[in-house]
Amino acid sequence: MKEPHYYLNVMCVDPPQQGNGIGSSLLQHVLSMCNEKGVPAYLEAGTDKNLRFYQGHGFKVIEEILLPANGPKTWPMIYEP
């Protein structure tokens, strides 16, 4: 992306704490700033579970990328306020 945006590089929640709303709370903080400033957010999801999580928060898939040598899929995603 060439336009101004937030790039969400890494967000992790300790596996035993997943499912308790911690990741959603962290993400909502950033998305609130995006909405307030009218600036999109960009990230790459690397698992089906993360893909569904981010889609549930309003991110849309830009494309699906299959990494070489039977590597995993990755999905660049955008959130637009």
N, C-alpha and C. Protein backbone atom coordinates (compact mmCIF):
# COMPACT_ATOMS: atom_id res chain seq x y z
N MET A 1 0.83 -1.19 0.00
CA MET A 1 0.00 0.00 0.00
C MET A 1 0.88 1.25 0.00
N LYS A 2 0.51 2.18 -0.82
CA LYS A 2 1.28 3.42 -0.88
C LYS A 2 0.63 4.53 -0.07
N GLU A 3 -0.66 4.42 0.16
CA GLU A 3 -1.34 5.46 0.93
C GLU A 3 -1.05 5.28 2.43
N PRO A 4 -1.20 6.34 3.22
CA PRO A 4 -0.98 6.21 4.67
C PRO A 4 -1.89 5.13 5.26
N HIS A 5 -1.32 4.32 6.14
CA HIS A 5 -2.08 3.24 6.78
C HIS A 5 -1.33 2.76 8.02
N TYR A 6 -2.05 2.04 8.86
CA TYR A 6 -1.42 1.34 9.98
C TYR A 6 -1.06 -0.05 9.48
N TYR A 7 0.16 -0.50 9.76
CA TYR A 7 0.59 -1.85 9.42
C TYR A 7 0.64 -2.64 10.71
N LEU A 8 -0.22 -3.64 10.82
CA LEU A 8 -0.26 -4.46 12.03
C LEU A 8 0.63 -5.67 11.80
N ASN A 9 1.83 -5.59 12.36
CA ASN A 9 2.85 -6.59 12.11
C ASN A 9 2.64 -7.86 12.92
N VAL A 10 2.56 -7.75 14.23
CA VAL A 10 2.46 -8.94 15.08
C VAL A 10 1.49 -8.67 16.22
N MET A 11 0.58 -9.60 16.41
CA MET A 11 -0.29 -9.56 17.59
C MET A 11 -0.42 -11.00 18.07
N CYS A 12 -0.10 -11.22 19.32
CA CYS A 12 -0.14 -12.58 19.88
C CYS A 12 -0.86 -12.58 21.21
N VAL A 13 -1.58 -13.66 21.46
CA VAL A 13 -2.19 -13.89 22.76
C VAL A 13 -1.74 -15.28 23.20
N ASP A 14 -1.31 -15.39 24.43
CA ASP A 14 -0.87 -16.67 24.99
C ASP A 14 -1.97 -17.72 24.75
N PRO A 15 -1.63 -18.85 24.14
CA PRO A 15 -2.66 -19.84 23.78
C PRO A 15 -3.65 -20.19 24.89
N PRO A 16 -3.22 -20.37 26.15
CA PRO A 16 -4.23 -20.67 27.17
C PRO A 16 -5.23 -19.53 27.41
N GLN A 17 -4.86 -18.31 26.99
CA GLN A 17 -5.74 -17.15 27.18
C GLN A 17 -6.59 -16.84 25.95
N GLN A 18 -6.34 -17.54 24.85
CA GLN A 18 -7.10 -17.28 23.62
C GLN A 18 -8.57 -17.63 23.84
N GLY A 19 -9.44 -16.87 23.20
CA GLY A 19 -10.88 -17.11 23.34
C GLY A 19 -11.52 -16.31 24.45
N ASN A 20 -10.72 -15.48 25.14
CA ASN A 20 -11.23 -14.68 26.25
C ASN A 20 -11.43 -13.21 25.89
N GLY A 21 -11.28 -12.88 24.62
CA GLY A 21 -11.52 -11.50 24.17
C GLY A 21 -10.31 -10.59 24.23
N ILE A 22 -9.15 -11.11 24.60
CA ILE A 22 -7.96 -10.28 24.71
C ILE A 22 -7.53 -9.77 23.34
N GLY A 23 -7.44 -10.65 22.35
CA GLY A 23 -7.06 -10.25 21.01
C GLY A 23 -8.04 -9.25 20.41
N SER A 24 -9.32 -9.49 20.63
CA SER A 24 -10.34 -8.56 20.13
C SER A 24 -10.20 -7.19 20.77
N SER A 25 -9.89 -7.15 22.07
CA SER A 25 -9.70 -5.87 22.75
C SER A 25 -8.49 -5.12 22.21
N LEU A 26 -7.39 -5.84 21.99
CA LEU A 26 -6.20 -5.21 21.42
C LEU A 26 -6.49 -4.66 20.03
N LEU A 27 -7.14 -5.46 19.22
CA LEU A 27 -7.44 -5.05 17.85
C LEU A 27 -8.42 -3.87 17.83
N GLN A 28 -9.41 -3.89 18.70
CA GLN A 28 -10.40 -2.80 18.73
C GLN A 28 -9.73 -1.47 19.06
N HIS A 29 -8.71 -1.50 19.87
CA HIS A 29 -7.99 -0.27 20.20
C HIS A 29 -7.41 0.36 18.93
N VAL A 30 -6.76 -0.46 18.11
CA VAL A 30 -6.16 0.03 16.87
C VAL A 30 -7.25 0.44 15.88
N LEU A 31 -8.30 -0.35 15.75
CA LEU A 31 -9.36 -0.03 14.80
C LEU A 31 -10.10 1.24 15.19
N SER A 32 -10.18 1.52 16.48
CA SER A 32 -10.77 2.78 16.93
C SER A 32 -9.94 3.96 16.43
N MET A 33 -8.61 3.83 16.49
CA MET A 33 -7.75 4.89 15.96
C MET A 33 -7.93 5.03 14.45
N CYS A 34 -8.05 3.90 13.75
CA CYS A 34 -8.28 3.94 12.30
C CYS A 34 -9.57 4.70 11.99
N ASN A 35 -10.62 4.38 12.72
CA ASN A 35 -11.91 5.01 12.49
C ASN A 35 -11.85 6.50 12.80
N GLU A 36 -11.19 6.85 13.89
CA GLU A 36 -11.09 8.24 14.32
C GLU A 36 -10.32 9.08 13.29
N LYS A 37 -9.26 8.50 12.74
CA LYS A 37 -8.39 9.25 11.82
C LYS A 37 -8.73 9.00 10.35
N GLY A 38 -9.64 8.06 10.08
CA GLY A 38 -9.98 7.75 8.70
C GLY A 38 -8.85 7.10 7.94
N VAL A 39 -8.04 6.30 8.63
CA VAL A 39 -6.86 5.67 8.04
C VAL A 39 -7.07 4.15 8.04
N PRO A 40 -6.80 3.46 6.92
CA PRO A 40 -6.95 2.01 6.90
C PRO A 40 -5.85 1.29 7.68
N ALA A 41 -6.08 0.00 7.90
CA ALA A 41 -5.09 -0.87 8.53
C ALA A 41 -4.83 -2.06 7.60
N TYR A 42 -3.59 -2.52 7.59
CA TYR A 42 -3.17 -3.62 6.72
C TYR A 42 -2.47 -4.67 7.57
N LEU A 43 -2.67 -5.94 7.23
CA LEU A 43 -1.97 -7.05 7.89
C LEU A 43 -1.97 -8.25 6.97
N GLU A 44 -1.22 -9.27 7.36
CA GLU A 44 -1.23 -10.55 6.66
C GLU A 44 -1.64 -11.63 7.64
N ALA A 45 -2.67 -12.38 7.29
CA ALA A 45 -3.08 -13.52 8.10
C ALA A 45 -2.38 -14.75 7.56
N GLY A 46 -1.90 -15.61 8.46
CA GLY A 46 -1.15 -16.78 8.03
C GLY A 46 -1.81 -18.11 8.32
N THR A 47 -2.98 -18.08 8.96
CA THR A 47 -3.70 -19.33 9.23
C THR A 47 -5.18 -19.11 8.95
N ASP A 48 -5.91 -20.20 8.71
CA ASP A 48 -7.36 -20.11 8.51
C ASP A 48 -8.04 -19.50 9.74
N LYS A 49 -7.56 -19.88 10.92
CA LYS A 49 -8.15 -19.36 12.16
C LYS A 49 -7.97 -17.84 12.25
N ASN A 50 -6.77 -17.36 11.95
CA ASN A 50 -6.52 -15.92 11.98
C ASN A 50 -7.31 -15.20 10.89
N LEU A 51 -7.41 -15.82 9.73
CA LEU A 51 -8.19 -15.25 8.63
C LEU A 51 -9.63 -15.00 9.10
N ARG A 52 -10.25 -15.98 9.70
CA ARG A 52 -11.63 -15.83 10.19
C ARG A 52 -11.72 -14.78 11.30
N PHE A 53 -10.73 -14.76 12.19
CA PHE A 53 -10.71 -13.78 13.28
C PHE A 53 -10.72 -12.36 12.72
N TYR A 54 -9.81 -12.08 11.80
CA TYR A 54 -9.71 -10.73 11.25
C TYR A 54 -10.93 -10.38 10.39
N GLN A 55 -11.45 -11.33 9.65
CA GLN A 55 -12.67 -11.07 8.88
C GLN A 55 -13.82 -10.69 9.82
N GLY A 56 -13.86 -11.32 10.98
CA GLY A 56 -14.89 -11.01 11.97
C GLY A 56 -14.78 -9.61 12.53
N HIS A 57 -13.62 -8.97 12.32
CA HIS A 57 -13.40 -7.60 12.78
C HIS A 57 -13.41 -6.60 11.62
N GLY A 58 -13.89 -7.04 10.47
CA GLY A 58 -14.07 -6.12 9.36
C GLY A 58 -12.96 -6.07 8.33
N PHE A 59 -11.93 -6.90 8.49
CA PHE A 59 -10.87 -6.94 7.48
C PHE A 59 -11.35 -7.71 6.26
N LYS A 60 -10.89 -7.30 5.09
CA LYS A 60 -11.22 -7.97 3.85
C LYS A 60 -9.94 -8.47 3.18
N VAL A 61 -10.03 -9.66 2.60
CA VAL A 61 -8.88 -10.25 1.90
C VAL A 61 -8.61 -9.48 0.62
N ILE A 62 -7.35 -9.12 0.42
CA ILE A 62 -6.92 -8.46 -0.82
C ILE A 62 -6.59 -9.52 -1.87
N GLU A 63 -5.87 -10.56 -1.45
CA GLU A 63 -5.53 -11.68 -2.32
C GLU A 63 -5.11 -12.86 -1.47
N GLU A 64 -5.01 -14.02 -2.11
CA GLU A 64 -4.50 -15.21 -1.44
C GLU A 64 -3.17 -15.56 -2.07
N ILE A 65 -2.15 -15.75 -1.26
CA ILE A 65 -0.81 -16.03 -1.77
C ILE A 65 -0.38 -17.42 -1.28
N LEU A 66 0.02 -18.27 -2.20
CA LEU A 66 0.57 -19.57 -1.86
C LEU A 66 2.08 -19.46 -1.97
N LEU A 67 2.77 -19.63 -0.86
CA LEU A 67 4.22 -19.51 -0.86
C LEU A 67 4.85 -20.68 -1.59
N PRO A 68 6.05 -20.48 -2.19
CA PRO A 68 6.69 -21.53 -2.99
C PRO A 68 7.00 -22.79 -2.20
N ALA A 69 7.29 -23.85 -2.97
CA ALA A 69 7.70 -25.15 -2.42
C ALA A 69 6.66 -25.70 -1.45
N ASN A 70 5.40 -25.65 -1.87
CA ASN A 70 4.29 -26.14 -1.03
C ASN A 70 4.21 -25.44 0.31
N GLY A 71 4.63 -24.18 0.33
CA GLY A 71 4.57 -23.39 1.56
C GLY A 71 3.14 -23.07 1.94
N PRO A 72 2.97 -22.46 3.08
CA PRO A 72 1.62 -22.14 3.55
C PRO A 72 1.00 -21.00 2.75
N LYS A 73 -0.31 -20.84 2.90
CA LYS A 73 -1.00 -19.70 2.31
C LYS A 73 -0.87 -18.51 3.26
N THR A 74 -0.92 -17.35 2.68
CA THR A 74 -1.00 -16.12 3.47
C THR A 74 -2.01 -15.21 2.78
N TRP A 75 -2.70 -14.43 3.57
CA TRP A 75 -3.75 -13.56 3.05
C TRP A 75 -3.48 -12.11 3.45
N PRO A 76 -3.03 -11.26 2.53
CA PRO A 76 -2.96 -9.83 2.83
C PRO A 76 -4.40 -9.34 3.01
N MET A 77 -4.60 -8.50 4.04
CA MET A 77 -5.95 -8.04 4.38
C MET A 77 -5.95 -6.54 4.67
N ILE A 78 -7.09 -5.93 4.43
CA ILE A 78 -7.23 -4.49 4.67
C ILE A 78 -8.50 -4.22 5.49
N TYR A 79 -8.37 -3.27 6.40
CA TYR A 79 -9.53 -2.75 7.13
C TYR A 79 -9.67 -1.29 6.69
N GLU A 80 -10.84 -0.95 6.19
CA GLU A 80 -11.07 0.42 5.75
C GLU A 80 -12.20 1.02 6.57
N PRO A 81 -11.89 2.11 7.29
CA PRO A 81 -12.92 2.73 8.11
C PRO A 81 -14.05 3.36 7.29
